[in-house]
């Protein structure tokens, strides 16, 4: 599920977290995101363990994605790296399936 791994990575999570989450949730995107939020300690695992999980979960699709990207790297540009936070969403509840989502927006310099 290389496309689904890319979706989670684009949200700012580590690639190895995404792969572990998909492996633990039978490749279900919504459950994988919930799994990542429920297992924050898994982010700190070493690169050796993450590369083993990646090889098991993704297999040859990882090699195909690397070949597509080419020697110069991926064709995606993410800007200059200078951003200002203007809004974020927080969640209060036991899981992503229940609780309350609140949007916080910065307006005229105030939250």
N, C-alpha and C. Protein backbone atom coordinates (compact mmCIF):
# COMPACT_ATOMS: atom_id res chain seq x y z
N UNK A 1 0.82 -1.21 0.00
CA UNK A 1 0.00 0.00 0.00
C UNK A 1 0.86 1.26 0.00
N UNK A 2 1.72 1.40 -0.99
CA UNK A 2 2.66 2.52 -1.03
C UNK A 2 1.93 3.87 -1.04
N UNK A 3 0.82 3.96 -1.75
CA UNK A 3 0.08 5.23 -1.80
C UNK A 3 -0.44 5.60 -0.41
N UNK A 4 -0.91 4.61 0.34
CA UNK A 4 -1.43 4.89 1.68
C UNK A 4 -0.30 5.27 2.63
N UNK A 5 0.86 4.66 2.47
CA UNK A 5 2.03 5.04 3.29
C UNK A 5 2.38 6.49 3.00
N UNK A 6 2.35 6.87 1.72
CA UNK A 6 2.67 8.25 1.33
C UNK A 6 1.67 9.24 1.95
N UNK A 7 0.41 8.85 2.05
CA UNK A 7 -0.60 9.73 2.65
C UNK A 7 -0.24 10.02 4.10
N UNK A 8 0.11 8.98 4.85
CA UNK A 8 0.44 9.17 6.27
C UNK A 8 1.74 9.94 6.43
N UNK A 9 2.73 9.66 5.59
CA UNK A 9 4.00 10.39 5.65
C UNK A 9 3.76 11.87 5.33
N UNK A 10 2.84 12.17 4.39
CA UNK A 10 2.56 13.56 4.05
C UNK A 10 1.91 14.32 5.21
N UNK A 11 1.36 13.59 6.18
CA UNK A 11 0.78 14.21 7.37
C UNK A 11 1.83 14.51 8.43
N UNK A 12 3.08 14.13 8.16
CA UNK A 12 4.16 14.45 9.08
C UNK A 12 4.64 13.30 9.94
N UNK A 13 4.11 12.10 9.72
CA UNK A 13 4.54 10.95 10.49
C UNK A 13 5.72 10.26 9.81
N UNK A 14 6.46 9.48 10.58
CA UNK A 14 7.60 8.75 10.05
C UNK A 14 7.13 7.58 9.18
N UNK A 15 7.89 7.27 8.16
CA UNK A 15 7.56 6.17 7.25
C UNK A 15 7.44 4.84 8.01
N UNK A 16 8.38 4.59 8.93
CA UNK A 16 8.33 3.33 9.66
C UNK A 16 7.08 3.24 10.55
N UNK A 17 6.60 4.39 11.07
CA UNK A 17 5.37 4.39 11.85
C UNK A 17 4.19 3.99 10.97
N UNK A 18 4.15 4.55 9.77
CA UNK A 18 3.05 4.24 8.85
C UNK A 18 3.04 2.75 8.50
N UNK A 19 4.19 2.21 8.23
CA UNK A 19 4.29 0.79 7.85
C UNK A 19 3.87 -0.10 9.01
N UNK A 20 4.33 0.23 10.22
CA UNK A 20 3.94 -0.55 11.40
C UNK A 20 2.44 -0.47 11.61
N UNK A 21 1.88 0.72 11.43
CA UNK A 21 0.44 0.91 11.63
C UNK A 21 -0.37 0.10 10.62
N UNK A 22 0.04 0.10 9.37
CA UNK A 22 -0.68 -0.68 8.36
C UNK A 22 -0.56 -2.18 8.63
N UNK A 23 0.59 -2.58 9.08
CA UNK A 23 0.78 -4.01 9.39
C UNK A 23 -0.13 -4.42 10.55
N UNK A 24 -0.25 -3.54 11.54
CA UNK A 24 -1.05 -3.85 12.73
C UNK A 24 -2.56 -3.76 12.47
N UNK A 25 -2.97 -3.06 11.40
CA UNK A 25 -4.40 -2.83 11.17
C UNK A 25 -4.89 -3.41 9.84
N UNK A 26 -4.16 -4.35 9.31
CA UNK A 26 -4.57 -5.02 8.07
C UNK A 26 -4.80 -4.01 6.92
N UNK A 27 -3.88 -3.05 6.81
CA UNK A 27 -3.86 -2.05 5.73
C UNK A 27 -5.11 -1.16 5.68
N UNK A 28 -5.69 -0.84 6.83
CA UNK A 28 -6.85 0.04 6.90
C UNK A 28 -6.35 1.44 7.26
N UNK A 29 -6.55 2.41 6.36
CA UNK A 29 -6.00 3.75 6.55
C UNK A 29 -6.53 4.43 7.82
N UNK A 30 -7.82 4.41 8.03
CA UNK A 30 -8.40 5.07 9.20
C UNK A 30 -7.92 4.42 10.50
N UNK A 31 -7.90 3.10 10.54
CA UNK A 31 -7.43 2.40 11.74
C UNK A 31 -5.93 2.60 11.93
N UNK A 32 -5.19 2.70 10.84
CA UNK A 32 -3.74 2.93 10.94
C UNK A 32 -3.45 4.28 11.60
N UNK A 33 -4.20 5.30 11.21
CA UNK A 33 -4.01 6.61 11.84
C UNK A 33 -4.35 6.57 13.33
N UNK A 34 -5.42 5.89 13.66
CA UNK A 34 -5.79 5.73 15.06
C UNK A 34 -4.70 4.97 15.82
N UNK A 35 -4.14 3.96 15.18
CA UNK A 35 -3.07 3.16 15.79
C UNK A 35 -1.86 4.03 16.07
N UNK A 36 -1.50 4.90 15.14
CA UNK A 36 -0.34 5.79 15.33
C UNK A 36 -0.55 6.69 16.54
N UNK A 37 -1.75 7.27 16.67
CA UNK A 37 -2.03 8.14 17.80
C UNK A 37 -2.09 7.36 19.11
N UNK A 38 -2.45 6.10 19.04
CA UNK A 38 -2.56 5.27 20.24
C UNK A 38 -1.23 4.65 20.66
N UNK A 39 -0.21 4.72 19.80
CA UNK A 39 1.10 4.12 20.08
C UNK A 39 2.22 5.14 19.85
N UNK A 40 2.24 6.24 20.59
CA UNK A 40 3.29 7.25 20.36
C UNK A 40 4.68 6.74 20.71
N UNK A 41 4.78 5.73 21.57
CA UNK A 41 6.08 5.20 21.96
C UNK A 41 6.75 4.46 20.81
N UNK A 42 6.02 4.03 19.81
CA UNK A 42 6.59 3.30 18.68
C UNK A 42 7.41 4.21 17.78
N UNK A 43 7.25 5.53 17.90
CA UNK A 43 8.00 6.48 17.09
C UNK A 43 9.49 6.44 17.42
N UNK A 44 9.83 6.05 18.64
CA UNK A 44 11.21 6.12 19.10
C UNK A 44 12.03 4.88 18.80
N UNK A 45 11.46 3.90 18.09
CA UNK A 45 12.20 2.67 17.80
C UNK A 45 13.35 2.96 16.85
N UNK A 46 14.37 2.12 16.90
CA UNK A 46 15.55 2.32 16.09
C UNK A 46 15.33 2.06 14.62
N UNK A 47 16.28 2.53 13.79
CA UNK A 47 16.15 2.38 12.35
C UNK A 47 16.31 0.93 11.91
N UNK A 48 17.03 0.13 12.66
CA UNK A 48 17.20 -1.27 12.29
C UNK A 48 15.86 -1.99 12.32
N UNK A 49 15.10 -1.80 13.38
CA UNK A 49 13.79 -2.43 13.49
C UNK A 49 12.85 -1.90 12.41
N UNK A 50 12.91 -0.61 12.14
CA UNK A 50 11.99 -0.05 11.15
C UNK A 50 12.30 -0.55 9.75
N UNK A 51 13.56 -0.75 9.43
CA UNK A 51 13.88 -1.27 8.10
C UNK A 51 13.44 -2.71 7.95
N UNK A 52 13.49 -3.49 9.04
CA UNK A 52 12.99 -4.87 8.97
C UNK A 52 11.49 -4.89 8.76
N UNK A 53 10.76 -4.03 9.47
CA UNK A 53 9.31 -3.96 9.31
C UNK A 53 8.97 -3.50 7.90
N UNK A 54 9.71 -2.53 7.39
CA UNK A 54 9.45 -2.02 6.04
C UNK A 54 9.62 -3.11 5.00
N UNK A 55 10.67 -3.90 5.14
CA UNK A 55 10.90 -4.98 4.19
C UNK A 55 9.79 -6.01 4.24
N UNK A 56 9.27 -6.30 5.42
CA UNK A 56 8.20 -7.29 5.55
C UNK A 56 6.87 -6.74 5.05
N UNK A 57 6.54 -5.50 5.39
CA UNK A 57 5.21 -4.96 5.10
C UNK A 57 5.07 -4.48 3.66
N UNK A 58 6.09 -3.82 3.13
CA UNK A 58 5.98 -3.20 1.84
C UNK A 58 6.55 -4.06 0.73
N UNK A 59 7.63 -4.75 1.00
CA UNK A 59 8.21 -5.65 0.00
C UNK A 59 8.74 -4.90 -1.19
N UNK A 60 8.40 -5.36 -2.36
CA UNK A 60 8.95 -4.82 -3.59
C UNK A 60 8.37 -3.47 -3.98
N UNK A 61 7.23 -3.07 -3.44
CA UNK A 61 6.64 -1.79 -3.82
C UNK A 61 7.54 -0.63 -3.41
N UNK A 62 8.32 -0.81 -2.35
CA UNK A 62 9.26 0.22 -1.93
C UNK A 62 10.35 0.42 -2.98
N UNK A 63 10.84 -0.67 -3.53
CA UNK A 63 11.87 -0.59 -4.56
C UNK A 63 11.31 0.08 -5.81
N UNK A 64 10.06 -0.22 -6.15
CA UNK A 64 9.44 0.38 -7.33
C UNK A 64 9.29 1.89 -7.14
N UNK A 65 8.91 2.32 -5.94
CA UNK A 65 8.74 3.75 -5.67
C UNK A 65 10.08 4.47 -5.74
N UNK A 66 11.15 3.82 -5.26
CA UNK A 66 12.47 4.42 -5.32
C UNK A 66 12.91 4.56 -6.76
N UNK A 67 12.65 3.55 -7.58
CA UNK A 67 13.03 3.61 -8.99
C UNK A 67 12.26 4.72 -9.69
N UNK A 68 10.98 4.92 -9.34
CA UNK A 68 10.18 5.98 -9.93
C UNK A 68 10.73 7.35 -9.58
N UNK A 69 11.23 7.50 -8.36
CA UNK A 69 11.73 8.79 -7.90
C UNK A 69 12.99 9.19 -8.65
N UNK A 70 13.79 8.22 -9.08
CA UNK A 70 15.00 8.51 -9.81
C UNK A 70 16.16 8.84 -8.88
N UNK A 71 17.33 9.02 -9.47
CA UNK A 71 18.54 9.28 -8.71
C UNK A 71 18.52 10.67 -8.07
N UNK A 72 17.77 11.59 -8.65
CA UNK A 72 17.73 12.95 -8.13
C UNK A 72 16.77 13.12 -6.97
N UNK A 73 16.06 12.06 -6.60
CA UNK A 73 15.11 12.12 -5.51
C UNK A 73 13.70 12.31 -6.03
N UNK A 74 12.74 12.46 -5.13
CA UNK A 74 11.36 12.58 -5.55
C UNK A 74 11.12 13.89 -6.30
N UNK A 75 10.06 13.91 -7.10
CA UNK A 75 9.74 15.08 -7.91
C UNK A 75 8.85 16.07 -7.17
N UNK A 76 8.65 15.89 -5.89
CA UNK A 76 7.77 16.75 -5.11
C UNK A 76 8.58 17.81 -4.40
N UNK A 77 8.16 19.06 -4.51
CA UNK A 77 8.81 20.15 -3.79
C UNK A 77 7.87 20.60 -2.69
N UNK A 78 8.43 20.90 -1.54
CA UNK A 78 7.63 21.24 -0.38
C UNK A 78 7.86 22.67 0.07
N UNK A 79 8.25 23.54 -0.81
CA UNK A 79 8.43 24.93 -0.43
C UNK A 79 9.79 25.19 0.19
N UNK A 80 9.93 26.36 0.77
CA UNK A 80 11.21 26.80 1.31
C UNK A 80 11.42 26.41 2.77
N UNK A 81 10.44 25.82 3.40
CA UNK A 81 10.59 25.39 4.78
C UNK A 81 10.31 26.47 5.80
N UNK A 82 9.73 27.58 5.38
CA UNK A 82 9.40 28.66 6.30
C UNK A 82 7.89 28.84 6.28
N UNK A 83 7.25 28.38 7.33
CA UNK A 83 5.80 28.42 7.41
C UNK A 83 5.36 29.08 8.70
N UNK A 84 4.15 29.58 8.72
CA UNK A 84 3.57 30.13 9.93
C UNK A 84 2.27 29.39 10.20
N UNK A 85 2.14 28.90 11.41
CA UNK A 85 0.94 28.17 11.80
C UNK A 85 -0.22 29.16 11.93
N UNK A 86 -1.32 28.88 11.21
CA UNK A 86 -2.47 29.77 11.30
C UNK A 86 -3.70 29.05 11.85
N UNK A 87 -3.66 27.70 11.88
CA UNK A 87 -4.79 26.96 12.42
C UNK A 87 -4.36 25.54 12.73
N UNK A 88 -5.07 24.90 13.65
CA UNK A 88 -4.86 23.49 13.92
C UNK A 88 -6.14 22.93 14.53
N UNK A 89 -6.26 21.62 14.47
CA UNK A 89 -7.43 20.93 15.02
C UNK A 89 -6.97 20.05 16.17
N UNK A 90 -7.67 20.14 17.29
CA UNK A 90 -7.36 19.28 18.43
C UNK A 90 -8.53 18.35 18.66
N UNK A 91 -8.25 17.25 19.34
CA UNK A 91 -9.28 16.25 19.61
C UNK A 91 -9.29 15.93 21.09
N UNK A 92 -10.50 15.82 21.63
CA UNK A 92 -10.66 15.41 23.02
C UNK A 92 -11.57 14.19 23.02
N UNK A 93 -11.04 13.04 23.42
CA UNK A 93 -11.82 11.83 23.45
C UNK A 93 -10.93 10.61 23.52
N UNK A 94 -11.56 9.44 23.65
CA UNK A 94 -10.82 8.19 23.80
C UNK A 94 -10.16 7.74 22.51
N UNK A 95 -10.79 8.01 21.36
CA UNK A 95 -10.22 7.59 20.08
C UNK A 95 -10.71 8.55 19.00
N UNK A 96 -10.24 8.34 17.78
CA UNK A 96 -10.68 9.19 16.68
C UNK A 96 -12.13 8.94 16.32
N UNK A 97 -12.69 7.83 16.80
CA UNK A 97 -14.08 7.48 16.49
C UNK A 97 -15.09 8.22 17.38
N UNK A 98 -14.64 8.70 18.54
CA UNK A 98 -15.57 9.40 19.42
C UNK A 98 -14.85 10.54 20.12
N UNK A 99 -15.61 11.53 20.52
CA UNK A 99 -15.03 12.69 21.18
C UNK A 99 -15.41 13.95 20.43
N UNK A 100 -14.67 15.02 20.69
CA UNK A 100 -14.95 16.32 20.08
C UNK A 100 -13.70 16.83 19.39
N UNK A 101 -13.87 17.35 18.18
CA UNK A 101 -12.79 18.00 17.45
C UNK A 101 -13.02 19.51 17.55
N UNK A 102 -11.93 20.25 17.80
CA UNK A 102 -12.02 21.69 17.94
C UNK A 102 -10.99 22.32 17.01
N UNK A 103 -11.44 23.29 16.22
CA UNK A 103 -10.54 24.01 15.31
C UNK A 103 -10.08 25.30 15.98
N UNK A 104 -8.77 25.52 16.04
CA UNK A 104 -8.19 26.72 16.62
C UNK A 104 -7.60 27.54 15.47
N UNK A 105 -8.05 28.77 15.31
CA UNK A 105 -7.62 29.61 14.20
C UNK A 105 -7.01 30.89 14.73
N UNK A 106 -5.86 31.25 14.17
CA UNK A 106 -5.19 32.49 14.55
C UNK A 106 -5.75 33.62 13.67
N UNK A 107 -6.34 34.63 14.32
CA UNK A 107 -6.93 35.74 13.58
C UNK A 107 -6.45 37.03 14.20
N UNK A 108 -5.87 37.88 13.38
CA UNK A 108 -5.34 39.17 13.82
C UNK A 108 -4.36 38.99 14.98
N UNK A 109 -3.53 37.95 14.87
CA UNK A 109 -2.49 37.71 15.85
C UNK A 109 -2.95 37.03 17.14
N UNK A 110 -4.23 36.68 17.24
CA UNK A 110 -4.77 36.05 18.46
C UNK A 110 -5.37 34.70 18.13
N UNK A 111 -5.26 33.76 19.07
CA UNK A 111 -5.85 32.42 18.89
C UNK A 111 -7.24 32.42 19.46
